[in-house]
Amino acid sequence: MDHSTKSMAEFATRLSYADLPPEVVHDCKRRIIDTVGCAVAAFDAEPARVARAVAARAAVSDGATVIGTAHRTLPELAAFANSVASRYLEGNDTYPGGGGHPNDNLLPVLAIAQAARASAQTAITAIVLAYEVHRYLFRAFPMRKHALDYVLYNAVASAAGAAKVLDLPLAQTANAISLAAVPNLGTDISRRGHLTMWKGCAAANAARNGVFAAVMASQGMAGPPTPFEDGLTAVIGAEEICPFPVDPTGFSLPKADYKFFLSEFHAQGPAFLALELLPQIRLDEIAKIEVFTYHFAWFEIGSGAEKWKPTTRETADHSMPYVVAAVLIDGAYTDAIFEPERFGDQRTLELMQKITITEDAEFNRRYPASLPCRMTITLKNGEQKTAELSNPIGHHDRPMSDTQVVDKFKGLAGRKLKGAQLQKVLDRLWRVDSDEDWPAVFGDLQVADR
């Protein structure tokens, strides 16, 4: 085994629920609530419908449930369908700067846990492990630097989590990790230029493959013993291998940043600033809007002609100028700004032409420890209004409260679940760690009007 495989496999096999501090367990439950809310709200979205149709091709009476339905299927198919749904609205937590979305692994881990009849405490331990593996891979192997997609992290993290659920021994856990790592290198074209629905499905596909890798390993399939230091580095070149786990005195799960708004994470700060400045201006008085940010945000969501003329939801929620213009016009941030008819709205398009996105050298120095942003709106009379922030709400140094997490859940899941059903799900998820019949929550999540 190479260093990375051995370190992850050894940590995975020795980690137990007793090792998890109460605050990490609590935050894990918050992330389950957050992820389930996103998945239920996206039930009617086209990618979610497609993924459900794929999952429905197999029926397994003791398998994993496809969220929003009573259908049970192979855990890897449920992993894909559920993760696609949770990703669609762009409300996932993130390791910003190219680290992707670790809670794309969360519902896949729960899918294999349901099918394996694992306890909720085992499932929570596996989720925490998946976050640990995901962050380590982001630190050790910066895929986006090499025009490769971060979804490799999802594949390996889900494999480690699934191996934990299945209680695989060290050798089989190492094989699961290898079987996920070797075949799951994607290119980052999923996240550049004109974006399609695959942007939100690529990580779910990788997580599906991670679950499948663990299932294969449990049946005796073996993978190459050195998938990282020999295999991956042959593609991207040698990297400085960092210690695993990343933080030996703590866990990585609480370091993943929540999204307050349903949008790409680096658009959160500009959205907050737009709302802060809005009461000080009138839209017809605006001469120009300047947004100053760090390189990653500029490159990812603030450059490219398509960002000023988005034609898909996926491009629009990854467009800083679109988000800023739409929020200023609406006076609020809701995902109604991503309805297809909005993309041709003349007011929005005209306001976007007044927006410039510029790298700031000082902000580049502060990033990624901080996610700074400054916005200056110049009025036609020459007057300027400026606002600045270091981190948006949801960043791990400026965390969302339990109340904010619950409000977000109710606003999302409440689109499909009403009244007592919504509250029942929420109450059950808060106490999932002590619920011996925890998979019954999937029954509570059935969408009535599908």
Protein backbone atom coordinates (compact mmCIF):
# COMPACT_ATOMS: atom_id res chain seq x y z
CA MET A 1 0.00 0.00 0.00
CA ASP A 2 1.15 3.55 -0.65
CA HIS A 3 1.13 6.16 2.14
CA SER A 4 -2.27 7.65 1.30
CA THR A 5 -4.09 4.34 0.93
CA LYS A 6 -2.55 2.91 4.09
CA SER A 7 -3.23 6.06 6.15
CA MET A 8 -6.86 6.29 5.09
CA ALA A 9 -7.54 2.57 5.48
CA GLU A 10 -5.95 2.40 8.93
CA PHE A 11 -7.85 5.45 10.13
CA ALA A 12 -11.11 4.11 8.69
CA THR A 13 -10.84 0.74 10.41
CA ARG A 14 -9.93 2.14 13.83
CA LEU A 15 -12.38 5.08 13.92
CA SER A 16 -15.37 4.45 16.16
CA TYR A 17 -18.45 6.37 17.21
CA ALA A 18 -16.95 6.74 20.69
CA ASP A 19 -14.14 8.80 19.13
CA LEU A 20 -16.55 11.48 17.94
CA PRO A 21 -16.99 14.54 20.21
CA PRO A 22 -20.62 15.50 20.88
CA GLU A 23 -20.23 18.70 18.86
CA VAL A 24 -19.11 16.73 15.80
CA VAL A 25 -22.09 14.37 16.11
CA HIS A 26 -24.37 17.39 16.46
CA ASP A 27 -22.89 19.06 13.38
CA CYS A 28 -23.21 15.82 11.43
CA LYS A 29 -26.93 15.81 12.20
CA ARG A 30 -27.13 19.43 11.04
CA ARG A 31 -25.58 18.41 7.75
CA ILE A 32 -27.98 15.50 7.34
CA ILE A 33 -30.86 17.94 7.86
CA ASP A 34 -29.34 20.41 5.41
CA THR A 35 -28.71 17.77 2.75
CA VAL A 36 -32.12 16.12 3.05
CA GLY A 37 -33.80 19.51 2.74
CA CYS A 38 -31.93 20.21 -0.50
CA ALA A 39 -32.80 16.77 -1.89
CA VAL A 40 -36.53 16.97 -1.13
CA ALA A 41 -36.83 20.48 -2.57
CA ALA A 42 -35.29 19.33 -5.86
CA PHE A 43 -37.65 16.38 -6.27
CA ASP A 44 -39.25 17.80 -9.43
CA ALA A 45 -36.01 18.98 -11.04
CA GLU A 46 -35.17 17.30 -14.33
CA PRO A 47 -31.81 15.79 -13.25
CA ALA A 48 -33.49 14.34 -10.16
CA ARG A 49 -36.26 12.86 -12.31
CA VAL A 50 -33.73 11.30 -14.67
CA ALA A 51 -31.69 9.85 -11.80
CA ARG A 52 -34.83 8.40 -10.19
CA ALA A 53 -35.80 6.79 -13.50
CA VAL A 54 -32.37 5.16 -13.69
CA ALA A 55 -32.68 3.92 -10.09
CA ALA A 56 -36.18 2.59 -10.75
CA ARG A 57 -34.78 0.12 -13.31
CA ALA A 58 -33.87 -2.16 -10.40
CA ALA A 59 -36.13 -3.10 -7.50
CA VAL A 60 -34.57 -4.57 -4.35
CA SER A 61 -36.94 -5.22 -1.48
CA ASP A 62 -34.23 -4.85 1.17
CA GLY A 63 -32.21 -2.24 -0.72
CA ALA A 64 -31.92 1.51 -0.27
CA THR A 65 -34.75 4.01 -0.64
CA VAL A 66 -34.85 6.64 -3.37
CA ILE A 67 -35.70 9.85 -1.49
CA GLY A 68 -39.24 11.08 -1.99
CA THR A 69 -40.52 7.64 -3.00
CA ALA A 70 -41.20 4.21 -1.52
CA HIS A 71 -38.98 2.55 -4.14
CA ARG A 72 -36.00 0.57 -2.90
CA THR A 73 -33.14 -0.29 -5.20
CA LEU A 74 -29.46 -1.19 -5.23
CA PRO A 75 -27.60 1.07 -2.80
CA GLU A 76 -25.31 2.42 -5.51
CA LEU A 77 -28.33 3.46 -7.62
CA ALA A 78 -30.03 5.10 -4.64
CA ALA A 79 -26.71 6.77 -3.87
CA PHE A 80 -26.70 8.34 -7.32
CA ALA A 81 -30.36 9.39 -7.37
CA ASN A 82 -30.32 10.86 -3.88
CA SER A 83 -27.03 12.68 -4.33
CA VAL A 84 -28.16 14.16 -7.66
CA ALA A 85 -31.27 15.53 -5.96
CA SER A 86 -29.35 16.97 -3.02
CA ARG A 87 -26.89 18.72 -5.36
CA TYR A 88 -29.27 20.30 -7.88
CA LEU A 89 -30.20 23.48 -6.00
CA GLU A 90 -26.55 24.28 -5.23
CA GLY A 91 -27.19 24.44 -1.48
CA ASN A 92 -24.45 21.98 -0.45
CA ASP A 93 -21.65 22.53 2.01
CA THR A 94 -18.19 22.91 0.56
CA TYR A 95 -14.46 23.00 1.01
CA PRO A 96 -14.01 26.18 -1.04
CA GLY A 97 -11.26 26.71 -3.56
CA GLY A 98 -11.65 23.52 -5.56
CA GLY A 99 -12.45 21.08 -2.77
CA GLY A 100 -15.94 20.39 -3.97
CA HIS A 101 -18.90 19.37 -1.86
CA PRO A 102 -18.34 16.72 0.81
CA ASN A 103 -22.02 16.29 1.54
CA ASP A 104 -22.40 14.83 -1.94
CA ASN A 105 -21.10 11.75 -0.07
CA LEU A 106 -23.64 11.93 2.74
CA LEU A 107 -26.75 10.39 1.17
CA PRO A 108 -24.68 7.69 -0.60
CA VAL A 109 -23.30 6.64 2.79
CA LEU A 110 -26.83 6.57 4.21
CA ALA A 111 -27.97 4.48 1.23
CA ILE A 112 -25.44 1.72 1.86
CA ALA A 113 -26.11 2.00 5.61
CA GLN A 114 -29.82 1.40 5.06
CA ALA A 115 -29.20 -1.57 2.78
CA ALA A 116 -26.65 -3.04 5.21
CA ARG A 117 -28.99 -2.51 8.19
CA ALA A 118 -26.26 -0.52 9.94
CA SER A 119 -26.99 1.49 13.05
CA ALA A 120 -27.37 5.25 12.87
CA GLN A 121 -24.23 5.61 14.97
CA THR A 122 -22.29 3.57 12.42
CA ALA A 123 -23.72 5.71 9.62
CA ILE A 124 -22.71 8.93 11.41
CA THR A 125 -19.21 7.58 11.98
CA ALA A 126 -18.97 6.72 8.27
CA ILE A 127 -20.15 10.20 7.26
CA VAL A 128 -17.55 11.85 9.50
CA LEU A 129 -14.94 9.54 7.98
CA ALA A 130 -16.02 10.49 4.45
CA TYR A 131 -15.55 14.18 5.26
CA GLU A 132 -12.10 13.40 6.65
CA VAL A 133 -11.03 11.53 3.53
CA HIS A 134 -12.53 14.15 1.23
CA ARG A 135 -10.64 17.04 2.85
CA TYR A 136 -7.38 15.11 2.98
CA LEU A 137 -7.51 14.36 -0.75
CA PHE A 138 -8.27 18.02 -1.47
CA ARG A 139 -5.19 19.04 0.49
CA ALA A 140 -2.91 16.30 -0.85
CA PHE A 141 -4.00 16.20 -4.49
CA PRO A 142 -5.29 19.57 -5.86
CA MET A 143 -7.09 18.23 -8.90
CA ARG A 144 -8.39 21.53 -10.28
CA LYS A 145 -4.82 22.78 -10.63
CA HIS A 146 -4.38 20.09 -13.28
CA ALA A 147 -7.71 20.67 -15.11
CA LEU A 148 -9.12 17.57 -13.42
CA ASP A 149 -12.39 17.47 -11.53
CA TYR A 150 -12.58 17.23 -7.76
CA VAL A 151 -15.04 14.31 -7.99
CA LEU A 152 -12.19 11.90 -7.33
CA TYR A 153 -12.53 13.07 -3.71
CA ASN A 154 -16.20 12.04 -3.69
CA ALA A 155 -15.45 8.60 -5.11
CA VAL A 156 -12.77 7.76 -2.56
CA ALA A 157 -14.57 9.38 0.39
CA SER A 158 -17.78 7.48 -0.35
CA ALA A 159 -15.81 4.27 -0.73
CA ALA A 160 -14.19 4.77 2.67
CA GLY A 161 -17.54 5.61 4.24
CA ALA A 162 -19.21 2.60 2.65
CA ALA A 163 -16.35 0.36 3.75
CA LYS A 164 -16.91 1.58 7.30
CA VAL A 165 -20.61 0.83 7.08
CA LEU A 166 -19.84 -2.68 5.80
CA ASP A 167 -17.25 -3.15 8.58
CA LEU A 168 -14.57 -4.19 6.11
CA PRO A 169 -11.16 -5.17 7.49
CA LEU A 170 -8.02 -3.22 6.62
CA ALA A 171 -7.12 -5.04 3.39
CA GLN A 172 -10.63 -4.83 1.96
CA THR A 173 -10.96 -1.17 2.98
CA ALA A 174 -7.70 -0.45 1.13
CA ASN A 175 -9.08 -2.25 -1.90
CA ALA A 176 -12.29 -0.22 -1.75
CA ILE A 177 -10.23 2.99 -1.69
CA SER A 178 -8.11 1.82 -4.63
CA LEU A 179 -11.11 0.64 -6.65
CA ALA A 180 -12.63 4.08 -6.23
CA ALA A 181 -9.46 6.05 -6.92
CA VAL A 182 -8.12 4.35 -10.03
CA PRO A 183 -11.09 4.61 -12.45
CA ASN A 184 -12.63 7.93 -11.35
CA LEU A 185 -10.54 10.74 -12.79
CA GLY A 186 -12.82 13.33 -14.38
CA THR A 187 -11.97 16.49 -16.29
CA ASP A 188 -13.02 19.87 -14.96
CA ILE A 189 -14.90 20.76 -18.15
CA SER A 190 -17.94 19.81 -16.02
CA ARG A 191 -17.45 23.18 -14.27
CA ARG A 192 -16.09 25.48 -16.98
CA GLY A 193 -17.76 27.43 -19.76
CA HIS A 194 -21.37 26.61 -20.63
CA LEU A 195 -22.63 24.41 -17.80
CA THR A 196 -25.19 21.64 -18.15
CA MET A 197 -27.04 19.44 -15.70
CA TRP A 198 -23.96 17.17 -15.51
CA LYS A 199 -22.30 19.86 -13.35
CA GLY A 200 -24.55 18.73 -10.50
CA CYS A 201 -24.42 15.02 -11.34
CA ALA A 202 -20.69 14.38 -11.70
CA ALA A 203 -20.01 14.14 -7.96
CA ALA A 204 -23.09 11.94 -7.44
CA ASN A 205 -21.80 9.61 -10.13
CA ALA A 206 -18.41 9.46 -8.41
CA ALA A 207 -20.06 8.77 -5.04
CA ARG A 208 -22.11 6.01 -6.66
CA ASN A 209 -18.87 4.48 -7.94
CA GLY A 210 -17.38 4.78 -4.46
CA VAL A 211 -20.24 2.81 -2.92
CA PHE A 212 -19.91 0.22 -5.69
CA ALA A 213 -16.16 0.01 -5.05
CA ALA A 214 -16.79 -0.90 -1.41
CA VAL A 215 -19.37 -3.49 -2.43
CA MET A 216 -16.87 -5.02 -4.86
CA ALA A 217 -14.14 -5.05 -2.20
CA SER A 218 -16.50 -6.77 0.23
CA GLN A 219 -16.86 -9.60 -2.29
CA GLY A 220 -13.09 -9.99 -2.70
CA MET A 221 -12.24 -7.69 -5.62
CA ALA A 222 -8.71 -6.28 -5.33
CA GLY A 223 -7.40 -2.99 -6.65
CA PRO A 224 -3.88 -1.74 -7.40
CA PRO A 225 -2.00 -1.31 -4.10
CA THR A 226 -0.49 2.11 -4.95
CA PRO A 227 -3.29 4.14 -6.58
CA PHE A 228 -2.06 7.53 -5.37
CA GLU A 229 1.72 7.80 -5.11
CA ASP A 230 2.25 5.66 -8.23
CA GLY A 231 -1.05 5.95 -10.10
CA LEU A 232 -2.38 9.46 -9.56
CA THR A 233 0.99 11.16 -9.42
CA ALA A 234 1.84 9.65 -12.83
CA VAL A 235 -0.96 11.88 -14.16
CA ILE A 236 -0.59 15.08 -12.13
CA GLY A 237 3.05 14.89 -11.08
CA ALA A 238 4.45 14.53 -7.59
CA GLU A 239 2.65 16.44 -4.87
CA GLU A 240 3.74 17.00 -1.28
CA ILE A 241 1.79 14.33 0.56
CA CYS A 242 0.30 15.86 3.67
CA PRO A 243 -0.34 13.89 6.87
CA PHE A 244 -3.62 12.06 7.31
CA PRO A 245 -5.80 13.11 9.02
CA VAL A 246 -5.36 16.76 8.09
CA ASP A 247 -6.05 18.02 11.63
CA PRO A 248 -4.73 15.45 14.11
CA THR A 249 -6.40 17.26 17.02
CA GLY A 250 -9.83 17.61 15.45
CA PHE A 251 -12.19 16.50 12.71
CA SER A 252 -12.65 17.94 9.24
CA LEU A 253 -16.45 17.84 9.11
CA PRO A 254 -16.93 21.13 11.04
CA LYS A 255 -14.47 22.83 8.63
CA ALA A 256 -16.81 22.39 5.66
CA ASP A 257 -18.65 25.65 4.98
CA TYR A 258 -22.45 25.79 4.76
CA LYS A 259 -24.28 27.76 2.10
CA PHE A 260 -26.73 30.36 3.36
CA PHE A 261 -27.94 31.00 -0.19
CA LEU A 262 -28.57 28.48 -2.96
CA SER A 263 -25.64 29.37 -5.18
CA GLU A 264 -21.98 28.68 -5.86
CA PHE A 265 -20.14 29.40 -2.63
CA HIS A 266 -17.95 32.23 -3.91
CA ALA A 267 -21.08 34.15 -4.95
CA GLN A 268 -22.36 34.18 -1.36
CA GLY A 269 -20.24 37.17 -0.29
CA PRO A 270 -21.20 39.35 -3.29
CA ALA A 271 -24.86 38.49 -2.71
CA PHE A 272 -24.64 39.62 0.93
CA LEU A 273 -22.94 42.86 -0.14
CA ALA A 274 -25.56 43.55 -2.81
CA LEU A 275 -28.31 43.22 -0.20
CA GLU A 276 -26.36 45.42 2.21
CA LEU A 277 -25.97 48.23 -0.34
CA LEU A 278 -29.44 48.01 -1.88
CA PRO A 279 -31.21 50.26 0.68
CA GLN A 280 -28.67 53.02 -0.09
CA ILE A 281 -29.36 53.21 -3.84
CA ARG A 282 -31.98 53.26 -6.57
CA LEU A 283 -31.45 50.90 -9.48
CA ASP A 284 -31.99 53.60 -12.09
CA GLU A 285 -29.20 55.66 -10.48
CA ILE A 286 -26.50 52.99 -10.98
CA ALA A 287 -23.67 53.87 -13.35
CA LYS A 288 -21.44 50.87 -12.58
CA ILE A 289 -20.90 48.08 -10.07
CA GLU A 290 -17.40 46.90 -9.25
CA VAL A 291 -16.80 43.65 -7.40
CA PHE A 292 -13.31 42.99 -6.06
CA THR A 293 -12.46 39.41 -5.19
CA TYR A 294 -9.69 36.78 -5.20
CA HIS A 295 -8.45 34.86 -8.21
CA PHE A 296 -10.39 31.63 -7.68
CA ALA A 297 -13.74 33.43 -7.48
CA TRP A 298 -12.88 35.57 -10.52
CA PHE A 299 -11.79 32.54 -12.55
CA GLU A 300 -14.64 30.28 -11.46
CA ILE A 301 -17.69 32.56 -11.58
CA GLY A 302 -16.52 36.02 -12.65
CA SER A 303 -14.89 35.52 -16.04
CA GLY A 304 -16.02 34.19 -19.40
CA ALA A 305 -18.65 35.66 -21.74
CA GLU A 306 -21.20 32.98 -20.79
CA LYS A 307 -21.32 34.36 -17.23
CA TRP A 308 -22.89 37.57 -18.60
CA LYS A 309 -25.42 35.67 -20.75
CA PRO A 310 -26.35 32.47 -18.90
CA THR A 311 -28.85 30.17 -20.58
CA THR A 312 -28.98 27.34 -18.02
CA ARG A 313 -29.54 27.24 -14.29
CA GLU A 314 -26.14 25.64 -13.85
CA THR A 315 -24.39 28.54 -15.60
CA ALA A 316 -26.50 31.16 -13.81
CA ASP A 317 -25.82 29.86 -10.30
CA HIS A 318 -22.12 29.88 -11.20
CA SER A 319 -22.24 33.47 -12.48
CA MET A 320 -21.28 36.23 -10.06
CA PRO A 321 -22.59 39.06 -12.28
CA TYR A 322 -25.92 37.29 -12.76
CA VAL A 323 -26.39 36.64 -9.04
CA VAL A 324 -25.51 40.25 -8.12
CA ALA A 325 -27.81 41.77 -10.77
CA ALA A 326 -30.75 39.48 -10.02
CA VAL A 327 -30.50 40.04 -6.25
CA LEU A 328 -30.38 43.82 -6.67
CA ILE A 329 -33.44 43.76 -8.92
CA ASP A 330 -35.46 41.40 -6.70
CA GLY A 331 -34.33 42.93 -3.42
CA ALA A 332 -33.91 39.41 -2.01
CA TYR A 333 -32.10 36.17 -2.70
CA THR A 334 -34.36 33.29 -3.67
CA ASP A 335 -33.78 30.55 -6.20
CA ALA A 336 -36.63 32.05 -8.22
CA ILE A 337 -33.86 34.00 -9.93
CA PHE A 338 -32.85 30.74 -11.61
CA GLU A 339 -36.16 30.12 -13.37
CA PRO A 340 -35.41 29.73 -17.12
CA GLU A 341 -37.55 32.70 -18.19
CA ARG A 342 -35.40 34.95 -16.02
CA PHE A 343 -32.31 34.40 -18.15
CA GLY A 344 -33.73 36.59 -20.90
CA ASP A 345 -35.00 39.33 -18.57
CA GLN A 346 -33.90 42.62 -20.12
CA ARG A 347 -33.50 44.47 -16.82
CA THR A 348 -31.18 41.78 -15.51
CA LEU A 349 -29.14 41.64 -18.71
CA GLU A 350 -28.77 45.42 -18.84
CA LEU A 351 -27.69 45.66 -15.19
CA MET A 352 -25.16 42.87 -15.71
CA GLN A 353 -23.45 44.98 -18.38
CA LYS A 354 -22.64 47.54 -15.66
CA ILE A 355 -20.84 44.93 -13.53
CA THR A 356 -17.11 44.28 -13.55
CA ILE A 357 -15.34 41.56 -11.55
CA THR A 358 -11.72 42.30 -10.65
CA GLU A 359 -9.00 40.42 -8.82
CA ASP A 360 -7.63 42.19 -5.77
CA ALA A 361 -4.00 41.50 -4.85
CA GLU A 362 -4.61 41.87 -1.13
CA PHE A 363 -7.61 39.54 -1.30
CA ASN A 364 -5.44 36.98 -3.12
CA ARG A 365 -3.01 37.09 -0.20
CA ARG A 366 -5.82 36.56 2.33
CA TYR A 367 -7.40 33.69 0.41
CA PRO A 368 -8.08 30.81 1.22
CA ALA A 369 -7.93 31.46 4.98
CA SER A 370 -10.51 34.16 4.33
CA LEU A 371 -12.96 34.72 1.47
CA PRO A 372 -12.90 38.53 1.22
CA CYS A 373 -15.03 40.59 -1.12
CA ARG A 374 -15.67 44.29 -1.69
CA MET A 375 -18.40 45.92 -3.76
CA THR A 376 -18.49 49.53 -4.91
CA ILE A 377 -21.58 50.90 -6.62
CA THR A 378 -20.99 54.19 -8.44
CA LEU A 379 -24.07 56.30 -9.06
CA LYS A 380 -24.64 58.51 -12.08
CA ASN A 381 -23.95 61.60 -9.97
CA GLY A 382 -20.50 60.22 -9.08
CA GLU A 383 -21.40 59.21 -5.53
CA GLN A 384 -20.03 55.83 -4.43
CA LYS A 385 -21.42 53.25 -2.01
CA THR A 386 -19.01 50.58 -0.76
CA ALA A 387 -19.33 47.49 1.43
CA GLU A 388 -16.84 44.76 2.29
CA LEU A 389 -16.79 41.45 4.16
CA SER A 390 -14.20 38.85 5.10
CA ASN A 391 -16.44 35.77 5.11
CA PRO A 392 -20.09 35.12 4.31
CA ILE A 393 -22.50 33.60 6.81
CA GLY A 394 -21.98 29.83 6.65
CA HIS A 395 -18.19 29.99 6.59
CA HIS A 396 -16.75 27.90 9.43
CA ASP A 397 -15.44 31.09 11.06
CA ARG A 398 -18.93 32.62 10.76
CA PRO A 399 -21.16 29.58 11.16
CA MET A 400 -24.87 29.26 10.59
CA SER A 401 -26.83 28.76 13.80
CA ASP A 402 -29.09 25.77 14.39
CA THR A 403 -32.04 28.11 13.86
CA GLN A 404 -30.69 29.17 10.47
CA VAL A 405 -30.10 25.55 9.46
CA VAL A 406 -33.67 24.66 10.47
CA ASP A 407 -35.10 27.69 8.67
CA LYS A 408 -33.26 26.68 5.52
CA PHE A 409 -34.52 23.10 5.85
CA LYS A 410 -38.12 24.19 6.34
CA GLY A 411 -37.92 26.59 3.42
CA LEU A 412 -36.62 23.82 1.16
CA ALA A 413 -38.25 20.58 2.34
CA GLY A 414 -41.42 22.58 3.04
CA ARG A 415 -41.93 22.90 -0.72
CA LYS A 416 -42.90 19.22 -0.86
CA LEU A 417 -43.62 18.21 2.77
CA LYS A 418 -46.29 20.03 4.72
CA GLY A 419 -47.21 20.64 8.33
CA ALA A 420 -46.97 17.60 10.57
CA GLN A 421 -45.01 15.56 8.01
CA LEU A 422 -42.32 18.22 7.76
CA GLN A 423 -42.00 18.56 11.52
CA LYS A 424 -41.94 14.79 12.00
CA VAL A 425 -38.98 14.47 9.62
CA LEU A 426 -37.12 17.31 11.31
CA ASP A 427 -37.68 15.91 14.80
CA ARG A 428 -36.58 12.46 13.70
CA LEU A 429 -33.40 13.74 12.07
CA TRP A 430 -32.41 15.67 15.19
CA ARG A 431 -32.53 12.45 17.21
CA VAL A 432 -31.34 10.09 14.47
CA ASP A 433 -28.27 9.06 16.48
CA SER A 434 -30.48 7.37 19.08
CA ASP A 435 -33.12 6.03 16.67
CA GLU A 436 -32.87 2.24 16.31
CA ASP A 437 -35.31 2.38 13.39
CA TRP A 438 -33.67 5.37 11.69
CA PRO A 439 -34.29 4.20 8.07
CA ALA A 440 -38.02 4.71 8.70
CA VAL A 441 -37.36 8.41 8.10
CA PHE A 442 -37.22 7.60 4.39
CA GLY A 443 -40.88 6.60 4.62
CA ASP A 444 -41.65 9.96 6.18
CA LEU A 445 -39.96 11.65 3.22
CA GLN A 446 -42.37 10.33 0.56
CA VAL A 447 -43.65 13.13 -1.64
CA ALA A 448 -47.41 12.83 -1.95
CA ASP A 449 -48.03 14.73 -5.19
CA ARG A 450 -45.43 13.07 -7.40
